[in-house]
N, C-alpha and C. Protein backbone atom coordinates (compact mmCIF):
# COMPACT_ATOMS: atom_id res chain seq x y z
N MET A 1 -110.15 -260.23 -86.48
CA MET A 1 -111.52 -259.74 -86.59
C MET A 1 -111.53 -258.50 -87.48
N ILE A 2 -112.47 -258.46 -88.40
CA ILE A 2 -112.59 -257.29 -89.26
C ILE A 2 -113.76 -256.44 -88.79
N ARG A 3 -113.86 -255.23 -89.33
CA ARG A 3 -114.86 -254.27 -88.88
C ARG A 3 -116.28 -254.85 -88.90
N SER A 4 -116.64 -255.53 -89.99
CA SER A 4 -118.00 -256.09 -90.08
C SER A 4 -118.26 -257.15 -89.01
N GLU A 5 -117.24 -257.93 -88.67
CA GLU A 5 -117.38 -258.93 -87.60
C GLU A 5 -117.56 -258.24 -86.25
N LEU A 6 -116.83 -257.15 -86.04
CA LEU A 6 -116.96 -256.39 -84.79
C LEU A 6 -118.38 -255.83 -84.68
N ILE A 7 -118.88 -255.25 -85.76
CA ILE A 7 -120.24 -254.70 -85.76
C ILE A 7 -121.25 -255.80 -85.46
N GLN A 8 -121.08 -256.96 -86.08
CA GLN A 8 -122.00 -258.08 -85.86
C GLN A 8 -121.96 -258.53 -84.40
N LYS A 9 -120.78 -258.64 -83.83
CA LYS A 9 -120.62 -259.08 -82.44
C LYS A 9 -121.29 -258.10 -81.47
N VAL A 10 -121.06 -256.81 -81.69
CA VAL A 10 -121.67 -255.79 -80.82
C VAL A 10 -123.19 -255.83 -80.96
N ALA A 11 -123.68 -256.00 -82.19
CA ALA A 11 -125.12 -256.06 -82.42
C ALA A 11 -125.74 -257.28 -81.72
N GLU A 12 -125.05 -258.42 -81.76
CA GLU A 12 -125.55 -259.63 -81.10
C GLU A 12 -125.61 -259.45 -79.59
N GLU A 13 -124.63 -258.76 -79.03
CA GLU A 13 -124.58 -258.58 -77.57
C GLU A 13 -125.50 -257.46 -77.10
N ASN A 14 -126.05 -256.68 -78.04
CA ASN A 14 -126.94 -255.57 -77.70
C ASN A 14 -128.19 -255.64 -78.59
N PRO A 15 -129.05 -256.61 -78.35
CA PRO A 15 -130.22 -256.80 -79.23
C PRO A 15 -131.18 -255.62 -79.22
N HIS A 16 -131.09 -254.75 -78.23
CA HIS A 16 -131.97 -253.58 -78.17
C HIS A 16 -131.56 -252.49 -79.15
N LEU A 17 -130.36 -252.61 -79.76
CA LEU A 17 -129.88 -251.63 -80.75
C LEU A 17 -130.09 -252.16 -82.16
N PHE A 18 -130.42 -251.26 -83.07
CA PHE A 18 -130.54 -251.62 -84.48
C PHE A 18 -129.15 -251.81 -85.06
N GLN A 19 -129.04 -252.69 -86.05
CA GLN A 19 -127.76 -252.97 -86.73
C GLN A 19 -127.15 -251.68 -87.28
N ARG A 20 -127.98 -250.82 -87.90
CA ARG A 20 -127.46 -249.58 -88.49
C ARG A 20 -126.91 -248.64 -87.42
N ASP A 21 -127.52 -248.66 -86.22
CA ASP A 21 -127.02 -247.82 -85.14
C ASP A 21 -125.68 -248.33 -84.61
N VAL A 22 -125.56 -249.65 -84.50
CA VAL A 22 -124.29 -250.24 -84.07
C VAL A 22 -123.19 -249.90 -85.07
N GLU A 23 -123.52 -250.01 -86.36
CA GLU A 23 -122.54 -249.69 -87.41
C GLU A 23 -122.12 -248.23 -87.30
N ARG A 24 -123.06 -247.34 -87.06
CA ARG A 24 -122.75 -245.91 -86.93
C ARG A 24 -121.86 -245.67 -85.70
N ILE A 25 -122.14 -246.36 -84.61
CA ILE A 25 -121.35 -246.21 -83.38
C ILE A 25 -119.90 -246.66 -83.61
N VAL A 26 -119.74 -247.85 -84.18
CA VAL A 26 -118.39 -248.38 -84.42
C VAL A 26 -117.62 -247.46 -85.38
N ASN A 27 -118.28 -247.02 -86.45
CA ASN A 27 -117.61 -246.13 -87.41
C ASN A 27 -117.24 -244.80 -86.78
N THR A 28 -118.09 -244.27 -85.91
CA THR A 28 -117.80 -243.01 -85.23
C THR A 28 -116.59 -243.15 -84.32
N ILE A 29 -116.49 -244.26 -83.61
CA ILE A 29 -115.34 -244.49 -82.73
C ILE A 29 -114.05 -244.51 -83.55
N PHE A 30 -114.04 -245.25 -84.66
CA PHE A 30 -112.84 -245.31 -85.50
C PHE A 30 -112.51 -243.95 -86.10
N GLU A 31 -113.53 -243.21 -86.54
CA GLU A 31 -113.29 -241.89 -87.11
C GLU A 31 -112.69 -240.94 -86.08
N GLU A 32 -113.16 -241.02 -84.85
CA GLU A 32 -112.63 -240.16 -83.79
C GLU A 32 -111.18 -240.51 -83.47
N ILE A 33 -110.85 -241.79 -83.46
CA ILE A 33 -109.46 -242.19 -83.21
C ILE A 33 -108.57 -241.68 -84.33
N VAL A 34 -109.00 -241.87 -85.58
CA VAL A 34 -108.21 -241.41 -86.73
C VAL A 34 -108.07 -239.89 -86.70
N GLY A 35 -109.16 -239.18 -86.39
CA GLY A 35 -109.11 -237.72 -86.32
C GLY A 35 -108.15 -237.23 -85.27
N ALA A 36 -108.17 -237.87 -84.11
CA ALA A 36 -107.27 -237.47 -83.02
C ALA A 36 -105.81 -237.70 -83.42
N LEU A 37 -105.53 -238.84 -84.04
CA LEU A 37 -104.16 -239.12 -84.48
C LEU A 37 -103.72 -238.14 -85.56
N ALA A 38 -104.64 -237.76 -86.46
CA ALA A 38 -104.30 -236.80 -87.51
C ALA A 38 -103.96 -235.43 -86.91
N ARG A 39 -104.56 -235.08 -85.78
CA ARG A 39 -104.25 -233.82 -85.09
C ARG A 39 -102.98 -233.93 -84.26
N GLY A 40 -102.44 -235.14 -84.15
CA GLY A 40 -101.24 -235.35 -83.34
C GLY A 40 -101.53 -235.68 -81.90
N ASP A 41 -102.81 -235.94 -81.59
CA ASP A 41 -103.20 -236.29 -80.22
C ASP A 41 -102.95 -237.77 -79.97
N ARG A 42 -103.02 -238.13 -78.70
CA ARG A 42 -102.86 -239.52 -78.27
C ARG A 42 -104.23 -240.02 -77.85
N VAL A 43 -104.55 -241.27 -78.15
CA VAL A 43 -105.83 -241.86 -77.75
C VAL A 43 -105.54 -243.04 -76.84
N GLU A 44 -106.06 -242.97 -75.61
CA GLU A 44 -105.81 -244.04 -74.65
C GLU A 44 -107.13 -244.71 -74.28
N LEU A 45 -107.17 -246.02 -74.42
CA LEU A 45 -108.32 -246.82 -74.00
C LEU A 45 -107.83 -247.67 -72.83
N ARG A 46 -108.21 -247.27 -71.65
CA ARG A 46 -107.70 -247.92 -70.43
C ARG A 46 -107.91 -249.42 -70.48
N GLY A 47 -106.85 -250.16 -70.14
CA GLY A 47 -106.91 -251.61 -70.13
C GLY A 47 -106.66 -252.23 -71.49
N PHE A 48 -106.80 -251.44 -72.56
CA PHE A 48 -106.61 -251.96 -73.91
C PHE A 48 -105.27 -251.49 -74.47
N GLY A 49 -105.08 -250.19 -74.50
CA GLY A 49 -103.82 -249.67 -75.02
C GLY A 49 -103.94 -248.22 -75.44
N ALA A 50 -102.86 -247.72 -76.03
CA ALA A 50 -102.81 -246.32 -76.43
C ALA A 50 -102.31 -246.20 -77.86
N PHE A 51 -103.00 -245.37 -78.63
CA PHE A 51 -102.61 -245.06 -80.00
C PHE A 51 -101.90 -243.71 -79.98
N SER A 52 -100.81 -243.61 -80.70
CA SER A 52 -100.11 -242.34 -80.82
C SER A 52 -99.46 -242.29 -82.20
N VAL A 53 -98.83 -241.16 -82.49
CA VAL A 53 -98.17 -240.97 -83.77
C VAL A 53 -96.69 -240.76 -83.50
N LYS A 54 -95.85 -241.48 -84.21
CA LYS A 54 -94.41 -241.31 -84.10
C LYS A 54 -93.87 -240.70 -85.39
N ARG A 55 -92.87 -239.86 -85.24
CA ARG A 55 -92.26 -239.20 -86.37
C ARG A 55 -91.00 -239.95 -86.77
N ARG A 56 -90.88 -240.23 -88.05
CA ARG A 56 -89.66 -240.85 -88.57
C ARG A 56 -88.91 -239.81 -89.39
N ASP A 57 -87.66 -239.61 -89.07
CA ASP A 57 -86.84 -238.63 -89.79
C ASP A 57 -86.61 -239.05 -91.23
N SER A 58 -86.28 -238.07 -92.06
CA SER A 58 -85.90 -238.40 -93.43
C SER A 58 -84.56 -239.13 -93.38
N ARG A 59 -84.31 -239.95 -94.37
CA ARG A 59 -83.09 -240.75 -94.37
C ARG A 59 -82.73 -241.19 -95.78
N GLN A 60 -81.57 -241.75 -95.92
CA GLN A 60 -81.15 -242.36 -97.19
C GLN A 60 -81.57 -243.83 -97.15
N GLY A 61 -82.35 -244.22 -98.13
CA GLY A 61 -82.75 -245.61 -98.23
C GLY A 61 -82.09 -246.26 -99.43
N ARG A 62 -82.43 -247.49 -99.67
CA ARG A 62 -81.85 -248.21 -100.80
C ARG A 62 -82.96 -248.96 -101.52
N ASN A 63 -82.96 -248.84 -102.84
CA ASN A 63 -83.91 -249.59 -103.66
C ASN A 63 -83.46 -251.05 -103.66
N PRO A 64 -84.29 -251.97 -103.14
CA PRO A 64 -83.85 -253.36 -103.03
C PRO A 64 -83.61 -254.03 -104.38
N ARG A 65 -84.28 -253.57 -105.44
CA ARG A 65 -84.09 -254.18 -106.75
C ARG A 65 -82.79 -253.77 -107.41
N THR A 66 -82.52 -252.45 -107.37
CA THR A 66 -81.36 -251.94 -108.10
C THR A 66 -80.17 -251.65 -107.21
N GLY A 67 -80.43 -251.48 -105.92
CA GLY A 67 -79.34 -251.14 -105.00
C GLY A 67 -79.05 -249.65 -105.00
N ALA A 68 -79.77 -248.87 -105.78
CA ALA A 68 -79.54 -247.42 -105.86
C ALA A 68 -80.02 -246.73 -104.60
N SER A 69 -79.33 -245.67 -104.19
CA SER A 69 -79.75 -244.88 -103.04
C SER A 69 -80.95 -244.03 -103.41
N VAL A 70 -81.86 -243.91 -102.47
CA VAL A 70 -83.04 -243.07 -102.66
C VAL A 70 -83.29 -242.26 -101.38
N ASP A 71 -83.81 -241.06 -101.56
CA ASP A 71 -84.17 -240.23 -100.40
C ASP A 71 -85.54 -240.65 -99.91
N VAL A 72 -85.64 -240.91 -98.61
CA VAL A 72 -86.93 -241.24 -98.00
C VAL A 72 -87.32 -240.05 -97.15
N ASP A 73 -88.48 -239.47 -97.45
CA ASP A 73 -88.95 -238.28 -96.74
C ASP A 73 -89.32 -238.59 -95.30
N GLU A 74 -89.36 -237.53 -94.49
CA GLU A 74 -89.85 -237.65 -93.12
C GLU A 74 -91.31 -238.07 -93.19
N LYS A 75 -91.73 -238.89 -92.23
CA LYS A 75 -93.13 -239.30 -92.21
C LYS A 75 -93.59 -239.55 -90.79
N HIS A 76 -94.90 -239.57 -90.65
CA HIS A 76 -95.53 -239.85 -89.37
C HIS A 76 -96.25 -241.19 -89.49
N VAL A 77 -96.05 -242.05 -88.51
CA VAL A 77 -96.65 -243.38 -88.56
C VAL A 77 -97.43 -243.66 -87.27
N PRO A 78 -98.56 -244.37 -87.38
CA PRO A 78 -99.32 -244.70 -86.18
C PRO A 78 -98.57 -245.74 -85.35
N PHE A 79 -98.74 -245.65 -84.04
CA PHE A 79 -98.07 -246.56 -83.11
C PHE A 79 -99.09 -246.98 -82.06
N PHE A 80 -99.07 -248.26 -81.70
CA PHE A 80 -99.98 -248.78 -80.68
C PHE A 80 -99.18 -249.45 -79.58
N LYS A 81 -99.44 -249.05 -78.36
CA LYS A 81 -98.80 -249.69 -77.21
C LYS A 81 -99.90 -250.35 -76.38
N THR A 82 -99.75 -251.65 -76.15
CA THR A 82 -100.78 -252.39 -75.42
C THR A 82 -100.82 -251.96 -73.96
N GLY A 83 -102.02 -252.04 -73.40
CA GLY A 83 -102.20 -251.76 -71.98
C GLY A 83 -101.85 -252.98 -71.16
N LYS A 84 -101.64 -252.77 -69.86
CA LYS A 84 -101.24 -253.86 -68.98
C LYS A 84 -102.28 -254.97 -68.92
N LEU A 85 -103.55 -254.61 -68.86
CA LEU A 85 -104.62 -255.60 -68.78
C LEU A 85 -104.64 -256.50 -70.02
N LEU A 86 -104.51 -255.91 -71.19
CA LEU A 86 -104.48 -256.70 -72.43
C LEU A 86 -103.24 -257.59 -72.48
N ARG A 87 -102.09 -257.03 -72.13
CA ARG A 87 -100.84 -257.81 -72.12
C ARG A 87 -100.95 -259.00 -71.18
N ASP A 88 -101.48 -258.76 -69.97
CA ASP A 88 -101.63 -259.84 -68.99
C ASP A 88 -102.59 -260.92 -69.49
N ARG A 89 -103.67 -260.50 -70.13
CA ARG A 89 -104.65 -261.47 -70.62
C ARG A 89 -104.07 -262.32 -71.75
N LEU A 90 -103.27 -261.70 -72.62
CA LEU A 90 -102.65 -262.44 -73.71
C LEU A 90 -101.62 -263.44 -73.20
N ASN A 91 -101.01 -263.11 -72.07
CA ASN A 91 -99.97 -263.97 -71.52
C ASN A 91 -100.48 -264.88 -70.42
N GLY A 92 -101.80 -265.12 -70.39
CA GLY A 92 -102.39 -266.08 -69.45
C GLY A 92 -102.53 -265.58 -68.04
N GLY A 93 -102.46 -264.27 -67.85
CA GLY A 93 -102.56 -263.73 -66.49
C GLY A 93 -103.92 -263.35 -66.06
């Protein structure tokens, strides 16, 4: 599902809301999640899962084309851990 499909689904299930308001709500939720992760905070949606940021140390990598060694800088990457309810639902529980 892509963002526009999510907005459409929420709008269909909430006919009392205008499409533009639903779009603003969905965008605000995503912006808040991104903002929290950028600050290094954790975002937990009970039953769905938790978003956090993991730090990857700098390391020696290898260029797959040439085989030459390259330095890979330290970086922060988003991480998602599913909640128990979502995991159970995906596994037929």
